[in-house]
Amino acid sequence: MSQLQVIQHNQQRVLTTAQLAEAYGADVKTISKNFERNKERYREGKHFFRLDGDELRAFKASRQIDENLKFAPVIYLWTEKGAWMHAKSLNTDKAWEAYETLVDDYYRVKEEQLKLSPEVQAIFFLDRKTQEIETRVEKLETNMTIDYGQQLALQRTAKAQILELVGGKESPAYQNKPLRDKLFSSIWSDYKDYFNVGSYKDTPVKDCEKAKEYLKKWSPQGKLLREVEEANQQLTFVS
C-alpha cells in the first residue's frame, strides 16, 4: 500500500473511493457497485460523507485533488466504519489485511505522536473503545440469526399467506394435503433462494422484518398456481 494522502473531514480521517480501492487492491467501479448494492446498510455521517455543491467546491479548494476528482460532481469520503463495510463486501484476504493496516496506520492517530494532554488522551481512548464496541455490535448484527420466537413468527406469517391465497382452511386446495404440502415446500424454497440461506432458521436478525414482508407478498407461480385454481374450481362444479 503506497503512502496515503491524509484527508481530514468533520474532525476525523477519511479516504476517497479511489484511495480505498487502491488500498484494497480493487478498482473504483467495484467499490462503487458494492456501495450501490448495499446502500440501505450505509449511513451518511457514520460510514461516509457525500460532498457536492458548495461543500465540494470548498473541499477541492482546500487541498490538492487528484486529476480524476477535479471535475467530479460528487465525492464520497469513507470513514473507518465505512472502510470496514467495504472490506466485508469484498471479503478477500488482501482487503481484510489492508483494513487492519488502515486502522493501525491511517485512521487512528497515535496519541503519543500528537503530544496530547492526559485528559485529551483519555477522551481519545474512550472514543476508540466506543468505536470498537460499535464495530463488534455491527458484526453481531450481521452474523446473528433469528431466535425461536422469530422463527415461529415467520412460520405463522407463511401459513397465513398460504391460507389467504387458497381461500382459507376449508377450501378444497387447502384440504388437498399433497397440494398443501407443495405450497409450503414452494414458499420456503423460494424464501431460501431469495435470502440465500440454507433454512429460514438461518435468517439474519437484521433481515427479520424484510423476511416477514417477503412472505406476506409471496404467491405460487406457474403450474402450482394452476393446481390451486383447479382444486378450488372443483367445488364450483360440484355445487
Protein backbone atom coordinates (compact mmCIF):
# COMPACT_ATOMS: atom_id res chain seq x y z
CA MET A 1 0.00 0.00 0.00
CA SER A 2 1.51 3.35 -1.04
CA GLN A 3 1.63 6.32 1.34
CA LEU A 4 -1.87 7.76 1.52
CA GLN A 5 -2.55 11.48 1.38
CA VAL A 6 -4.14 12.35 4.72
CA ILE A 7 -7.65 13.78 4.36
CA GLN A 8 -9.46 15.28 7.33
CA HIS A 9 -13.21 15.90 7.27
CA ASN A 10 -15.60 16.55 10.13
CA GLN A 11 -12.72 16.17 12.62
CA GLN A 12 -11.77 12.68 11.50
CA ARG A 13 -9.62 10.99 8.90
CA VAL A 14 -11.37 9.76 5.76
CA LEU A 15 -10.46 8.22 2.41
CA THR A 16 -11.72 8.87 -1.09
CA THR A 17 -13.18 5.99 -3.10
CA ALA A 18 -10.01 5.91 -5.22
CA GLN A 19 -7.79 5.68 -2.13
CA LEU A 20 -9.93 2.90 -0.67
CA ALA A 21 -9.87 0.96 -3.94
CA GLU A 22 -6.08 1.26 -4.15
CA ALA A 23 -5.65 0.09 -0.56
CA TYR A 24 -7.89 -2.94 -1.09
CA GLY A 25 -6.42 -3.96 -4.43
CA ALA A 26 -9.75 -3.32 -6.16
CA ASP A 27 -10.97 -0.78 -8.68
CA VAL A 28 -13.22 2.23 -8.15
CA LYS A 29 -16.02 0.60 -10.12
CA THR A 30 -16.13 -2.42 -7.78
CA ILE A 31 -16.17 -0.21 -4.67
CA SER A 32 -18.99 1.90 -6.13
CA LYS A 33 -21.03 -1.17 -7.16
CA ASN A 34 -20.70 -2.72 -3.71
CA PHE A 35 -21.97 0.52 -2.22
CA GLU A 36 -24.95 0.73 -4.60
CA ARG A 37 -25.92 -2.90 -3.93
CA ASN A 38 -25.87 -2.40 -0.15
CA LYS A 39 -26.81 1.28 0.05
CA GLU A 40 -29.51 0.75 2.67
CA ARG A 41 -26.87 -0.56 5.11
CA TYR A 42 -24.69 2.55 4.92
CA ARG A 43 -25.44 5.65 6.94
CA GLU A 44 -24.26 9.09 5.94
CA GLY A 45 -22.20 10.66 8.70
CA LYS A 46 -21.32 7.25 10.13
CA HIS A 47 -19.94 5.29 7.19
CA PHE A 48 -19.39 8.06 4.65
CA PHE A 49 -19.71 11.75 3.81
CA ARG A 50 -21.20 12.83 0.49
CA LEU A 51 -19.84 16.12 -0.83
CA ASP A 52 -21.45 18.15 -3.59
CA GLY A 53 -22.21 21.77 -4.42
CA ASP A 54 -20.54 24.45 -2.32
CA GLU A 55 -19.21 21.92 0.19
CA LEU A 56 -17.44 20.03 -2.60
CA ARG A 57 -16.01 23.22 -4.10
CA ALA A 58 -14.64 24.25 -0.70
CA PHE A 59 -13.16 20.77 -0.23
CA LYS A 60 -11.42 20.89 -3.62
CA ALA A 61 -10.09 24.39 -2.96
CA SER A 62 -8.61 23.43 0.41
CA ARG A 63 -6.30 20.66 -0.79
CA GLN A 64 -4.53 19.19 -3.78
CA ILE A 65 -7.01 16.97 -5.59
CA ASP A 66 -6.18 14.00 -7.83
CA GLU A 67 -6.80 14.62 -11.52
CA ASN A 68 -9.67 12.12 -11.61
CA LEU A 69 -11.53 14.09 -8.89
CA LYS A 70 -11.07 17.63 -10.22
CA PHE A 71 -14.30 17.60 -12.23
CA ALA A 72 -16.28 15.07 -10.19
CA PRO A 73 -19.76 16.47 -9.32
CA VAL A 74 -19.92 14.30 -6.18
CA ILE A 75 -17.22 12.85 -3.92
CA TYR A 76 -17.68 10.18 -1.27
CA LEU A 77 -15.36 10.16 1.74
CA TRP A 78 -15.21 6.90 3.70
CA THR A 79 -14.81 6.71 7.46
CA GLU A 80 -13.17 3.85 9.34
CA LYS A 81 -16.56 2.15 9.70
CA GLY A 82 -17.24 2.67 6.01
CA ALA A 83 -13.91 1.06 5.19
CA TRP A 84 -14.94 -1.93 7.33
CA MET A 85 -18.21 -2.27 5.38
CA HIS A 86 -16.29 -2.30 2.09
CA ALA A 87 -13.79 -4.87 3.38
CA LYS A 88 -16.77 -7.03 4.35
CA SER A 89 -18.28 -6.66 0.85
CA LEU A 90 -15.02 -7.56 -0.89
CA ASN A 91 -14.26 -10.31 1.67
CA THR A 92 -10.76 -11.06 0.39
CA ASP A 93 -7.65 -11.70 2.46
CA LYS A 94 -5.99 -8.68 0.87
CA ALA A 95 -8.90 -6.39 1.73
CA TRP A 96 -9.01 -7.52 5.38
CA GLU A 97 -5.24 -7.17 5.75
CA ALA A 98 -5.41 -3.70 4.20
CA TYR A 99 -8.26 -2.75 6.54
CA GLU A 100 -6.20 -3.73 9.58
CA THR A 101 -3.32 -1.62 8.27
CA LEU A 102 -5.61 1.34 7.63
CA VAL A 103 -6.96 1.16 11.16
CA ASP A 104 -3.50 0.99 12.72
CA ASP A 105 -1.60 3.40 10.47
CA TYR A 106 -4.14 5.80 8.99
CA TYR A 107 -7.49 6.18 10.70
CA ARG A 108 -6.25 6.16 14.28
CA VAL A 109 -3.59 8.71 15.04
CA LYS A 110 -1.38 7.64 17.94
CA GLU A 111 -1.92 9.97 20.88
CA GLU A 112 1.73 10.00 21.89
CA GLN A 113 2.69 11.33 18.47
CA LEU A 114 0.26 14.22 18.91
CA LYS A 115 1.66 15.04 22.38
CA LEU A 116 -1.81 15.45 23.81
CA SER A 117 -2.60 16.14 27.43
CA PRO A 118 -3.62 13.15 29.60
CA GLU A 119 -7.20 14.45 29.65
CA VAL A 120 -7.46 14.63 25.86
CA GLN A 121 -5.75 11.25 25.54
CA ALA A 122 -8.42 9.83 27.85
CA ILE A 123 -11.12 11.20 25.57
CA PHE A 124 -9.43 9.60 22.56
CA PHE A 125 -9.18 6.31 24.45
CA LEU A 126 -12.89 6.32 25.33
CA ASP A 127 -13.83 7.24 21.78
CA ARG A 128 -11.70 4.38 20.43
CA LYS A 129 -13.31 1.91 22.83
CA THR A 130 -16.76 3.14 21.79
CA GLN A 131 -15.90 2.63 18.13
CA GLU A 132 -14.60 -0.87 18.85
CA ILE A 133 -17.80 -1.75 20.69
CA GLU A 134 -19.95 -0.37 17.86
CA THR A 135 -17.93 -2.37 15.34
CA ARG A 136 -18.43 -5.56 17.37
CA VAL A 137 -22.17 -4.83 17.60
CA GLU A 138 -22.33 -4.36 13.83
CA LYS A 139 -20.57 -7.68 13.33
CA LEU A 140 -23.01 -9.38 15.73
CA GLU A 141 -26.00 -7.85 13.95
CA THR A 142 -24.61 -9.05 10.63
CA ASN A 143 -23.94 -12.62 11.79
CA MET A 144 -26.67 -13.24 14.39
CA THR A 145 -29.62 -15.36 13.24
CA ILE A 146 -33.23 -15.19 14.39
CA ASP A 147 -34.27 -16.82 17.66
CA TYR A 148 -37.01 -19.42 18.23
CA GLY A 149 -39.73 -16.82 18.74
CA GLN A 150 -38.84 -15.08 15.47
CA GLN A 151 -38.79 -18.44 13.69
CA LEU A 152 -42.36 -19.11 14.91
CA ALA A 153 -43.40 -15.66 13.71
CA LEU A 154 -42.12 -16.46 10.21
CA GLN A 155 -43.93 -19.81 10.26
CA ARG A 156 -47.20 -18.10 11.20
CA THR A 157 -46.72 -15.46 8.51
CA ALA A 158 -46.11 -18.11 5.84
CA LYS A 159 -49.17 -20.12 6.92
CA ALA A 160 -51.40 -17.03 6.99
CA GLN A 161 -50.28 -16.08 3.47
CA ILE A 162 -50.99 -19.56 2.08
CA LEU A 163 -54.42 -19.64 3.76
CA GLU A 164 -55.28 -16.29 2.23
CA LEU A 165 -54.12 -17.37 -1.22
CA VAL A 166 -56.13 -20.62 -1.26
CA GLY A 167 -59.25 -19.22 0.37
CA GLY A 168 -58.97 -20.50 3.94
CA LYS A 169 -58.71 -23.82 5.77
CA GLU A 170 -61.95 -25.18 4.33
CA SER A 171 -61.00 -24.55 0.70
CA PRO A 172 -60.52 -27.63 -1.49
CA ALA A 173 -56.96 -26.50 -2.28
CA TYR A 174 -56.00 -26.44 1.41
CA GLN A 175 -57.86 -29.66 2.21
CA ASN A 176 -55.84 -31.38 -0.52
CA LYS A 177 -52.85 -32.45 1.60
CA PRO A 178 -50.40 -33.17 -1.26
CA LEU A 179 -51.19 -29.75 -2.74
CA ARG A 180 -50.94 -28.09 0.66
CA ASP A 181 -47.53 -29.68 1.18
CA LYS A 182 -46.41 -28.42 -2.23
CA LEU A 183 -47.42 -24.88 -1.30
CA PHE A 184 -45.44 -24.90 1.96
CA SER A 185 -42.48 -26.51 0.22
CA SER A 186 -42.59 -23.88 -2.53
CA ILE A 187 -42.85 -20.85 -0.25
CA TRP A 188 -39.85 -21.95 1.81
CA SER A 189 -37.85 -22.95 -1.26
CA ASP A 190 -38.40 -19.50 -2.81
CA TYR A 191 -37.60 -17.92 0.55
CA LYS A 192 -34.26 -19.71 0.83
CA ASP A 193 -33.33 -18.72 -2.72
CA TYR A 194 -34.25 -15.08 -2.12
CA PHE A 195 -32.38 -14.71 1.19
CA ASN A 196 -29.59 -17.12 0.21
CA VAL A 197 -29.92 -19.24 3.37
CA GLY A 198 -29.98 -23.00 3.95
CA SER A 199 -33.07 -22.73 6.14
CA TYR A 200 -35.44 -19.97 7.24
CA LYS A 201 -33.92 -20.57 10.70
CA ASP A 202 -30.65 -19.13 9.34
CA THR A 203 -32.27 -15.77 8.56
CA PRO A 204 -30.10 -12.90 9.89
CA VAL A 205 -31.78 -10.86 12.64
CA LYS A 206 -31.30 -7.71 10.58
CA ASP A 207 -33.46 -9.23 7.81
CA CYS A 208 -36.31 -10.42 10.06
CA GLU A 209 -38.80 -7.65 9.16
CA LYS A 210 -37.85 -7.86 5.50
CA ALA A 211 -38.46 -11.63 5.68
CA LYS A 212 -41.98 -11.11 7.03
CA GLU A 213 -42.79 -8.67 4.23
CA TYR A 214 -41.46 -11.13 1.66
CA LEU A 215 -43.69 -13.93 2.99
CA LYS A 216 -46.73 -11.63 3.04
CA LYS A 217 -46.25 -10.90 -0.66
CA TRP A 218 -45.39 -14.44 -1.78
CA SER A 219 -47.60 -16.16 -4.35
CA PRO A 220 -47.42 -19.54 -6.14
CA GLN A 221 -46.45 -19.37 -9.80
CA GLY A 222 -46.96 -21.40 -12.96
CA LYS A 223 -48.14 -24.98 -12.60
CA LEU A 224 -48.59 -24.74 -8.83
CA LEU A 225 -50.88 -21.72 -9.18
CA ARG A 226 -52.94 -23.57 -11.78
CA GLU A 227 -53.27 -26.57 -9.45
CA VAL A 228 -54.64 -24.31 -6.71
CA GLU A 229 -57.13 -22.73 -9.10
CA GLU A 230 -58.25 -26.10 -10.47
CA ALA A 231 -58.66 -27.57 -6.98
CA ASN A 232 -60.87 -24.69 -5.89
CA GLN A 233 -62.87 -24.80 -9.11
CA GLN A 234 -63.92 -28.38 -8.28
CA LEU A 235 -66.12 -27.02 -5.51
CA THR A 236 -67.87 -24.75 -8.00
CA PHE A 237 -68.56 -27.65 -10.38
CA VAL A 238 -69.94 -29.83 -7.57
CA SER A 239 -72.20 -27.03 -6.37
